Amino acid sequence: MANCMKTTIDLPDDLLIEAKKRAAETRTTLRALVERGLRRELGEGPSRKPARPPAIRWITVKGGLPRDLDVADRAGMMDWLHNDRP
């Protein structure tokens, strides 16, 4: 395993938003996206260790989403999840 260092960088908001969107679209991490970009800029080849896509956890409900659950309302979803249901 390669040694890794943590660092903080300041990026323009629009650039960070676009980078996060690209990472999500390609099912990779922002870290992997930045690493590939830096390696390309520095003239190095791709990382020897391929980036592992993040695990996707699907949660399903038999019969689909309940009618009283509004997924756009985060607080309402949390209440729904923590209340006893039949």
PDB file of N, CA and C in Angstrom:
ATOM      1  N   MET A   1       0.838  -1.186   0.000  1.00  0.00           N
ATOM      2  CA  MET A   1       0.000   0.000   0.000  1.00  0.00           C
ATOM      3  C   MET A   1       0.878   1.243   0.000  1.00  0.00           C
ATOM      4  N   ALA A   2       0.574   2.184  -0.857  1.00  0.00           N
ATOM      5  CA  ALA A   2       1.356   3.403  -0.965  1.00  0.00           C
ATOM      6  C   ALA A   2       1.085   4.311   0.226  1.00  0.00           C
ATOM      7  N   ASN A   3       2.086   5.087   0.599  1.00  0.00           N
ATOM      8  CA  ASN A   3       1.901   6.071   1.654  1.00  0.00           C
ATOM      9  C   ASN A   3       1.031   7.196   1.122  1.00  0.00           C
ATOM     10  N   CYS A   4       0.158   7.697   1.956  1.00  0.00           N
ATOM     11  CA  CYS A   4      -0.729   8.783   1.549  1.00  0.00           C
ATOM     12  C   CYS A   4      -0.618   9.924   2.542  1.00  0.00           C
ATOM     13  N   MET A   5      -0.719  11.142   2.035  1.00  0.00           N
ATOM     14  CA  MET A   5      -0.712  12.334   2.876  1.00  0.00           C
ATOM     15  C   MET A   5      -2.038  13.047   2.698  1.00  0.00           C
ATOM     16  N   LYS A   6      -2.491  13.670   3.747  1.00  0.00           N
ATOM     17  CA  LYS A   6      -3.686  14.496   3.655  1.00  0.00           C
ATOM     18  C   LYS A   6      -3.256  15.937   3.482  1.00  0.00           C
ATOM     19  N   THR A   7      -4.044  16.684   2.732  1.00  0.00           N
ATOM     20  CA  THR A   7      -3.770  18.094   2.542  1.00  0.00           C
ATOM     21  C   THR A   7      -5.090  18.820   2.337  1.00  0.00           C
ATOM     22  N   THR A   8      -5.054  20.109   2.428  1.00  0.00           N
ATOM     23  CA  THR A   8      -6.229  20.933   2.200  1.00  0.00           C
ATOM     24  C   THR A   8      -5.927  21.860   1.040  1.00  0.00           C
ATOM     25  N   ILE A   9      -6.859  21.967   0.099  1.00  0.00           N
ATOM     26  CA  ILE A   9      -6.696  22.895  -1.012  1.00  0.00           C
ATOM     27  C   ILE A   9      -7.954  23.743  -1.127  1.00  0.00           C
ATOM     28  N   ASP A  10      -7.769  24.977  -1.558  1.00  0.00           N
ATOM     29  CA  ASP A  10      -8.890  25.868  -1.794  1.00  0.00           C
ATOM     30  C   ASP A  10      -9.202  25.854  -3.283  1.00  0.00           C
ATOM     31  N   LEU A  11     -10.442  25.559  -3.607  1.00  0.00           N
ATOM     32  CA  LEU A  11     -10.884  25.528  -5.001  1.00  0.00           C
ATOM     33  C   LEU A  11     -12.069  26.463  -5.171  1.00  0.00           C
ATOM     34  N   PRO A  12     -12.230  27.038  -6.352  1.00  0.00           N
ATOM     35  CA  PRO A  12     -13.436  27.821  -6.605  1.00  0.00           C
ATOM     36  C   PRO A  12     -14.667  26.919  -6.469  1.00  0.00           C
ATOM     37  N   ASP A  13     -15.736  27.472  -5.914  1.00  0.00           N
ATOM     38  CA  ASP A  13     -16.956  26.689  -5.678  1.00  0.00           C
ATOM     39  C   ASP A  13     -17.450  25.992  -6.932  1.00  0.00           C
ATOM     40  N   ASP A  14     -17.473  26.710  -8.062  1.00  0.00           N
ATOM     41  CA  ASP A  14     -18.003  26.110  -9.287  1.00  0.00           C
ATOM     42  C   ASP A  14     -17.162  24.913  -9.747  1.00  0.00           C
ATOM     43  N   LEU A  15     -15.842  24.992  -9.568  1.00  0.00           N
ATOM     44  CA  LEU A  15     -14.970  23.887  -9.962  1.00  0.00           C
ATOM     45  C   LEU A  15     -15.207  22.668  -9.075  1.00  0.00           C
ATOM     46  N   LEU A  16     -15.332  22.892  -7.774  1.00  0.00           N
ATOM     47  CA  LEU A  16     -15.570  21.784  -6.853  1.00  0.00           C
ATOM     48  C   LEU A  16     -16.925  21.132  -7.123  1.00  0.00           C
ATOM     49  N   ILE A  17     -17.933  21.930  -7.400  1.00  0.00           N
ATOM     50  CA  ILE A  17     -19.268  21.384  -7.699  1.00  0.00           C
ATOM     51  C   ILE A  17     -19.211  20.518  -8.948  1.00  0.00           C
ATOM     52  N   GLU A  18     -18.555  21.003  -9.995  1.00  0.00           N
ATOM     53  CA  GLU A  18     -18.437  20.227 -11.235  1.00  0.00           C
ATOM     54  C   GLU A  18     -17.638  18.947 -11.013  1.00  0.00           C
ATOM     55  N   ALA A  19     -16.582  19.032 -10.198  1.00  0.00           N
ATOM     56  CA  ALA A  19     -15.770  17.844  -9.921  1.00  0.00           C
ATOM     57  C   ALA A  19     -16.584  16.801  -9.158  1.00  0.00           C
ATOM     58  N   LYS A  20     -17.368  17.234  -8.188  1.00  0.00           N
ATOM     59  CA  LYS A  20     -18.204  16.298  -7.433  1.00  0.00           C
ATOM     60  C   LYS A  20     -19.256  15.661  -8.341  1.00  0.00           C
ATOM     61  N   LYS A  21     -19.820  16.452  -9.242  1.00  0.00           N
ATOM     62  CA  LYS A  21     -20.795  15.902 -10.200  1.00  0.00           C
ATOM     63  C   LYS A  21     -20.134  14.847 -11.078  1.00  0.00           C
ATOM     64  N   ARG A  22     -18.945  15.154 -11.596  1.00  0.00           N
ATOM     65  CA  ARG A  22     -18.236  14.214 -12.469  1.00  0.00           C
ATOM     66  C   ARG A  22     -17.907  12.934 -11.707  1.00  0.00           C
ATOM     67  N   ALA A  23     -17.468  13.066 -10.470  1.00  0.00           N
ATOM     68  CA  ALA A  23     -17.149  11.886  -9.662  1.00  0.00           C
ATOM     69  C   ALA A  23     -18.396  11.024  -9.477  1.00  0.00           C
ATOM     70  N   ALA A  24     -19.530  11.652  -9.197  1.00  0.00           N
ATOM     71  CA  ALA A  24     -20.769  10.894  -9.012  1.00  0.00           C
ATOM     72  C   ALA A  24     -21.199  10.231 -10.318  1.00  0.00           C
ATOM     73  N   GLU A  25     -21.100  10.956 -11.430  1.00  0.00           N
ATOM     74  CA  GLU A  25     -21.498  10.412 -12.726  1.00  0.00           C
ATOM     75  C   GLU A  25     -20.647   9.207 -13.118  1.00  0.00           C
ATOM     76  N   THR A  26     -19.376   9.248 -12.770  1.00  0.00           N
ATOM     77  CA  THR A  26     -18.474   8.161 -13.141  1.00  0.00           C
ATOM     78  C   THR A  26     -18.319   7.131 -12.029  1.00  0.00           C
ATOM     79  N   ARG A  27     -19.111   7.297 -10.981  1.00  0.00           N
ATOM     80  CA  ARG A  27     -19.108   6.371  -9.836  1.00  0.00           C
ATOM     81  C   ARG A  27     -17.710   6.156  -9.277  1.00  0.00           C
ATOM     82  N   THR A  28     -17.044   7.277  -9.049  1.00  0.00           N
ATOM     83  CA  THR A  28     -15.729   7.238  -8.436  1.00  0.00           C
ATOM     84  C   THR A  28     -15.721   8.255  -7.303  1.00  0.00           C
ATOM     85  N   THR A  29     -14.593   8.406  -6.669  1.00  0.00           N
ATOM     86  CA  THR A  29     -14.502   9.366  -5.580  1.00  0.00           C
ATOM     87  C   THR A  29     -13.846  10.646  -6.064  1.00  0.00           C
ATOM     88  N   LEU A  30     -14.083  11.714  -5.335  1.00  0.00           N
ATOM     89  CA  LEU A  30     -13.427  12.975  -5.650  1.00  0.00           C
ATOM     90  C   LEU A  30     -11.913  12.807  -5.515  1.00  0.00           C
ATOM     91  N   ARG A  31     -11.509  12.048  -4.520  1.00  0.00           N
ATOM     92  CA  ARG A  31     -10.084  11.783  -4.305  1.00  0.00           C
ATOM     93  C   ARG A  31      -9.450  11.125  -5.538  1.00  0.00           C
ATOM     94  N   ALA A  32     -10.112  10.103  -6.093  1.00  0.00           N
ATOM     95  CA  ALA A  32      -9.580   9.418  -7.270  1.00  0.00           C
ATOM     96  C   ALA A  32      -9.537  10.360  -8.476  1.00  0.00           C
ATOM     97  N   LEU A  33     -10.555  11.192  -8.615  1.00  0.00           N
ATOM     98  CA  LEU A  33     -10.615  12.139  -9.724  1.00  0.00           C
ATOM     99  C   LEU A  33      -9.461  13.136  -9.640  1.00  0.00           C
ATOM    100  N   VAL A  34      -9.214  13.676  -8.450  1.00  0.00           N
ATOM    101  CA  VAL A  34      -8.126  14.635  -8.264  1.00  0.00           C
ATOM    102  C   VAL A  34      -6.778  13.941  -8.489  1.00  0.00           C
ATOM    103  N   GLU A  35      -6.636  12.720  -7.988  1.00  0.00           N
ATOM    104  CA  GLU A  35      -5.372  11.996  -8.171  1.00  0.00           C
ATOM    105  C   GLU A  35      -5.077  11.771  -9.659  1.00  0.00           C
ATOM    106  N   ARG A  36      -6.098  11.331 -10.417  1.00  0.00           N
ATOM    107  CA  ARG A  36      -5.885  11.117 -11.856  1.00  0.00           C
ATOM    108  C   ARG A  36      -5.496  12.413 -12.554  1.00  0.00           C
ATOM    109  N   GLY A  37      -6.162  13.506 -12.183  1.00  0.00           N
ATOM    110  CA  GLY A  37      -5.853  14.801 -12.794  1.00  0.00           C
ATOM    111  C   GLY A  37      -4.434  15.266 -12.490  1.00  0.00           C
ATOM    112  N   LEU A  38      -4.022  15.084 -11.250  1.00  0.00           N
ATOM    113  CA  LEU A  38      -2.656  15.469 -10.880  1.00  0.00           C
ATOM    114  C   LEU A  38      -1.635  14.593 -11.592  1.00  0.00           C
ATOM    115  N   ARG A  39      -1.892  13.301 -11.659  1.00  0.00           N
ATOM    116  CA  ARG A  39      -0.952  12.409 -12.358  1.00  0.00           C
ATOM    117  C   ARG A  39      -0.847  12.779 -13.841  1.00  0.00           C
ATOM    118  N   ARG A  40      -1.972  13.090 -14.448  1.00  0.00           N
ATOM    119  CA  ARG A  40      -1.959  13.492 -15.860  1.00  0.00           C
ATOM    120  C   ARG A  40      -1.187  14.798 -16.034  1.00  0.00           C
ATOM    121  N   GLU A  41      -1.427  15.757 -15.148  1.00  0.00           N
ATOM    122  CA  GLU A  41      -0.747  17.057 -15.226  1.00  0.00           C
ATOM    123  C   GLU A  41       0.757  16.912 -15.014  1.00  0.00           C
ATOM    124  N   LEU A  42       1.145  16.000 -14.148  1.00  0.00           N
ATOM    125  CA  LEU A  42       2.562  15.798 -13.855  1.00  0.00           C
ATOM    126  C   LEU A  42       3.230  14.835 -14.827  1.00  0.00           C
ATOM    127  N   GLY A  43       2.484  14.316 -15.780  1.00  0.00           N
ATOM    128  CA  GLY A  43       3.047  13.452 -16.806  1.00  0.00           C
ATOM    129  C   GLY A  43       3.262  12.021 -16.379  1.00  0.00           C
ATOM    130  N   GLU A  44       2.686  11.622 -15.274  1.00  0.00           N
ATOM    131  CA  GLU A  44       2.807  10.241 -14.830  1.00  0.00           C
ATOM    132  C   GLU A  44       1.675   9.426 -15.418  1.00  0.00           C
ATOM    133  N   GLY A  45       1.875   8.139 -15.476  1.00  0.00           N
ATOM    134  CA  GLY A  45       0.826   7.245 -15.937  1.00  0.00           C
ATOM    135  C   GLY A  45      -0.242   7.097 -14.857  1.00  0.00           C
ATOM    136  N   PRO A  46      -1.243   6.312 -15.156  1.00  0.00           N
ATOM    137  CA  PRO A  46      -2.289   6.091 -14.164  1.00  0.00           C
ATOM    138  C   PRO A  46      -1.742   5.386 -12.933  1.00  0.00           C
ATOM    139  N   SER A  47      -2.447   5.552 -11.860  1.00  0.00           N
ATOM    140  CA  SER A  47      -2.041   4.911 -10.611  1.00  0.00           C
ATOM    141  C   SER A  47      -1.941   3.407 -10.808  1.00  0.00           C
ATOM    142  N   ARG A  48      -0.963   2.774 -10.185  1.00  0.00           N
ATOM    143  CA  ARG A  48      -0.805   1.326 -10.303  1.00  0.00           C
ATOM    144  C   ARG A  48      -1.989   0.593  -9.696  1.00  0.00           C
ATOM    145  N   LYS A  49      -2.549   1.175  -8.655  1.00  0.00           N
ATOM    146  CA  LYS A  49      -3.688   0.554  -7.996  1.00  0.00           C
ATOM    147  C   LYS A  49      -4.964   1.195  -8.558  1.00  0.00           C
ATOM    148  N   PRO A  50      -5.777   0.434  -9.289  1.00  0.00           N
ATOM    149  CA  PRO A  50      -6.989   1.027  -9.853  1.00  0.00           C
ATOM    150  C   PRO A  50      -7.943   1.461  -8.752  1.00  0.00           C
ATOM    151  N   ALA A  51      -8.611   2.573  -8.989  1.00  0.00           N
ATOM    152  CA  ALA A  51      -9.571   3.080  -8.016  1.00  0.00           C
ATOM    153  C   ALA A  51     -10.760   2.136  -7.924  1.00  0.00           C
ATOM    154  N   ARG A  52     -11.120   1.783  -6.729  1.00  0.00           N
ATOM    155  CA  ARG A  52     -12.271   0.910  -6.513  1.00  0.00           C
ATOM    156  C   ARG A  52     -13.507   1.775  -6.369  1.00  0.00           C
ATOM    157  N   PRO A  53     -14.538   1.513  -7.156  1.00  0.00           N
ATOM    158  CA  PRO A  53     -15.734   2.338  -7.041  1.00  0.00           C
ATOM    159  C   PRO A  53     -16.367   2.161  -5.660  1.00  0.00           C
ATOM    160  N   PRO A  54     -16.981   3.217  -5.155  1.00  0.00           N
ATOM    161  CA  PRO A  54     -17.615   3.104  -3.849  1.00  0.00           C
ATOM    162  C   PRO A  54     -18.760   2.103  -3.884  1.00  0.00           C
ATOM    163  N   ALA A  55     -18.971   1.418  -2.780  1.00  0.00           N
ATOM    164  CA  ALA A  55     -20.059   0.445  -2.708  1.00  0.00           C
ATOM    165  C   ALA A  55     -21.394   1.179  -2.755  1.00  0.00           C
ATOM    166  N   ILE A  56     -22.300   0.640  -3.518  1.00  0.00           N
ATOM    167  CA  ILE A  56     -23.647   1.204  -3.607  1.00  0.00           C
ATOM    168  C   ILE A  56     -24.557   0.343  -2.759  1.00  0.00           C
ATOM    169  N   ARG A  57     -25.259   0.985  -1.865  1.00  0.00           N
ATOM    170  CA  ARG A  57     -26.155   0.260  -0.984  1.00  0.00           C
ATOM    171  C   ARG A  57     -27.586   0.601  -1.372  1.00  0.00           C
ATOM    172  N   TRP A  58     -28.286  -0.381  -1.874  1.00  0.00           N
ATOM    173  CA  TRP A  58     -29.673  -0.189  -2.271  1.00  0.00           C
ATOM    174  C   TRP A  58     -30.585  -0.618  -1.133  1.00  0.00           C
ATOM    175  N   ILE A  59     -31.529   0.220  -0.828  1.00  0.00           N
ATOM    176  CA  ILE A  59     -32.525  -0.120   0.173  1.00  0.00           C
ATOM    177  C   ILE A  59     -33.861  -0.155  -0.549  1.00  0.00           C
ATOM    178  N   THR A  60     -34.526  -1.278  -0.478  1.00  0.00           N
ATOM    179  CA  THR A  60     -35.794  -1.411  -1.178  1.00  0.00           C
ATOM    180  C   THR A  60     -36.906  -1.718  -0.194  1.00  0.00           C
ATOM    181  N   VAL A  61     -38.088  -1.379  -0.604  1.00  0.00           N
ATOM    182  CA  VAL A  61     -39.278  -1.648   0.188  1.00  0.00           C
ATOM    183  C   VAL A  61     -40.207  -2.486  -0.676  1.00  0.00           C
ATOM    184  N   LYS A  62     -40.670  -3.603  -0.158  1.00  0.00           N
ATOM    185  CA  LYS A  62     -41.564  -4.459  -0.921  1.00  0.00           C
ATOM    186  C   LYS A  62     -42.781  -3.657  -1.363  1.00  0.00           C
ATOM    187  N   GLY A  63     -43.069  -3.711  -2.640  1.00  0.00           N
ATOM    188  CA  GLY A  63     -44.226  -2.982  -3.174  1.00  0.00           C
ATOM    189  C   GLY A  63     -43.906  -1.549  -3.564  1.00  0.00           C
ATOM    190  N   GLY A  64     -42.660  -1.133  -3.490  1.00  0.00           N
ATOM    191  CA  GLY A  64     -42.297   0.229  -3.862  1.00  0.00           C
ATOM    192  C   GLY A  64     -42.357   1.181  -2.685  1.00  0.00           C
ATOM    193  N   LEU A  65     -42.213   2.459  -2.972  1.00  0.00           N
ATOM    194  CA  LEU A  65     -42.228   3.456  -1.907  1.00  0.00           C
ATOM    195  C   LEU A  65     -43.639   3.630  -1.347  1.00  0.00           C
ATOM    196  N   PRO A  66     -43.743   3.777  -0.045  1.00  0.00           N
ATOM    197  CA  PRO A  66     -45.053   4.018   0.553  1.00  0.00           C
ATOM    198  C   PRO A  66     -45.619   5.359   0.077  1.00  0.00           C
ATOM    199  N   ARG A  67     -46.929   5.450  -0.002  1.00  0.00           N
ATOM    200  CA  ARG A  67     -47.565   6.681  -0.502  1.00  0.00           C
ATOM    201  C   ARG A  67     -47.323   7.864   0.418  1.00  0.00           C
ATOM    202  N   ASP A  68     -47.187   7.609   1.726  1.00  0.00           N
ATOM    203  CA  ASP A  68     -47.015   8.714   2.670  1.00  0.00           C
ATOM    204  C   ASP A  68     -45.561   9.142   2.841  1.00  0.00           C
ATOM    205  N   LEU A  69     -44.657   8.612   2.028  1.00  0.00           N
ATOM    206  CA  LEU A  69     -43.239   8.950   2.138  1.00  0.00           C
ATOM    207  C   LEU A  69     -42.844   9.901   1.016  1.00  0.00           C
ATOM    208  N   ASP A  70     -42.403  11.102   1.397  1.00  0.00           N
ATOM    209  CA  ASP A  70     -41.939  12.099   0.430  1.00  0.00           C
ATOM    210  C   ASP A  70     -40.421  12.135   0.489  1.00  0.00           C
ATOM    211  N   VAL A  71     -39.747  11.580  -0.520  1.00  0.00           N
ATOM    212  CA  VAL A  71     -38.285  11.497  -0.502  1.00  0.00           C
ATOM    213  C   VAL A  71     -37.623  12.863  -0.661  1.00  0.00           C
ATOM    214  N   ALA A  72     -38.369  13.877  -1.052  1.00  0.00           N
ATOM    215  CA  ALA A  72     -37.816  15.222  -1.162  1.00  0.00           C
ATOM    216  C   ALA A  72     -37.759  15.917   0.198  1.00  0.00           C
ATOM    217  N   ASP A  73     -38.449  15.367   1.189  1.00  0.00           N
ATOM    218  CA  ASP A  73     -38.491  15.943   2.530  1.00  0.00           C
ATOM    219  C   ASP A  73     -37.612  15.108   3.454  1.00  0.00           C
ATOM    220  N   ARG A  74     -36.369  15.542   3.636  1.00  0.00           N
ATOM    221  CA  ARG A  74     -35.404  14.756   4.412  1.00  0.00           C
ATOM    222  C   ARG A  74     -35.855  14.553   5.855  1.00  0.00           C
ATOM    223  N   ALA A  75     -36.327  15.604   6.497  1.00  0.00           N
ATOM    224  CA  ALA A  75     -36.776  15.489   7.889  1.00  0.00           C
ATOM    225  C   ALA A  75     -37.964  14.542   7.975  1.00  0.00           C
ATOM    226  N   GLY A  76     -38.880  14.650   7.024  1.00  0.00           N
ATOM    227  CA  GLY A  76     -40.031  13.757   6.992  1.00  0.00           C
ATOM    228  C   GLY A  76     -39.623  12.306   6.787  1.00  0.00           C
ATOM    229  N   MET A  77     -38.603  12.089   5.955  1.00  0.00           N
ATOM    230  CA  MET A  77     -38.112  10.728   5.734  1.00  0.00           C
ATOM    231  C   MET A  77     -37.522  10.147   7.010  1.00  0.00           C
ATOM    232  N   MET A  78     -36.751  10.967   7.726  1.00  0.00           N
ATOM    233  CA  MET A  78     -36.158  10.483   8.968  1.00  0.00           C
ATOM    234  C   MET A  78     -37.245  10.143   9.986  1.00  0.00           C
ATOM    235  N   ASP A  79     -38.275  10.992  10.080  1.00  0.00           N
ATOM    236  CA  ASP A  79     -39.397  10.693  10.976  1.00  0.00           C
ATOM    237  C   ASP A  79     -40.055   9.384  10.561  1.00  0.00           C
ATOM    238  N   TRP A  80     -40.261   9.200   9.265  1.00  0.00           N
ATOM    239  CA  TRP A  80     -40.918   7.993   8.761  1.00  0.00           C
ATOM    240  C   TRP A  80     -40.081   6.755   9.101  1.00  0.00           C
ATOM    241  N   LEU A  81     -38.759   6.869   8.944  1.00  0.00           N
ATOM    242  CA  LEU A  81     -37.880   5.747   9.215  1.00  0.00           C
ATOM    243  C   LEU A  81     -37.857   5.351  10.691  1.00  0.00           C
ATOM    244  N   HIS A  82     -37.978   6.345  11.568  1.00  0.00           N
ATOM    245  CA  HIS A  82     -37.870   6.071  12.994  1.00  0.00           C
ATOM    246  C   HIS A  82     -39.198   5.775  13.671  1.00  0.00           C
ATOM    247  N   ASN A  83     -40.309   5.989  13.002  1.00  0.00           N
ATOM    248  CA  ASN A  83     -41.623   5.669  13.580  1.00  0.00           C
ATOM    249  C   ASN A  83     -41.925   4.201  13.353  1.00  0.00           C
ATOM    250  N   ASP A  84     -42.688   3.637  14.263  1.00  0.00           N
ATOM    251  CA  ASP A  84     -43.128   2.240  14.091  1.00  0.00           C
ATOM    252  C   ASP A  84     -44.156   2.191  12.979  1.00  0.00           C
ATOM    253  N   ARG A  85     -43.964   1.235  12.094  1.00  0.00           N
ATOM    254  CA  ARG A  85     -44.892   1.044  10.978  1.00  0.00           C
ATOM    255  C   ARG A  85     -45.431  -0.367  11.034  1.00  0.00           C
ATOM    256  N   PRO A  86     -46.625  -0.577  10.498  1.00  0.00           N
ATOM    257  CA  PRO A  86     -47.183  -1.953  10.505  1.00  0.00           C
ATOM    258  C   PRO A  86     -46.381  -2.894   9.653  1.00  0.00           C
TER     259      PRO A  86
END
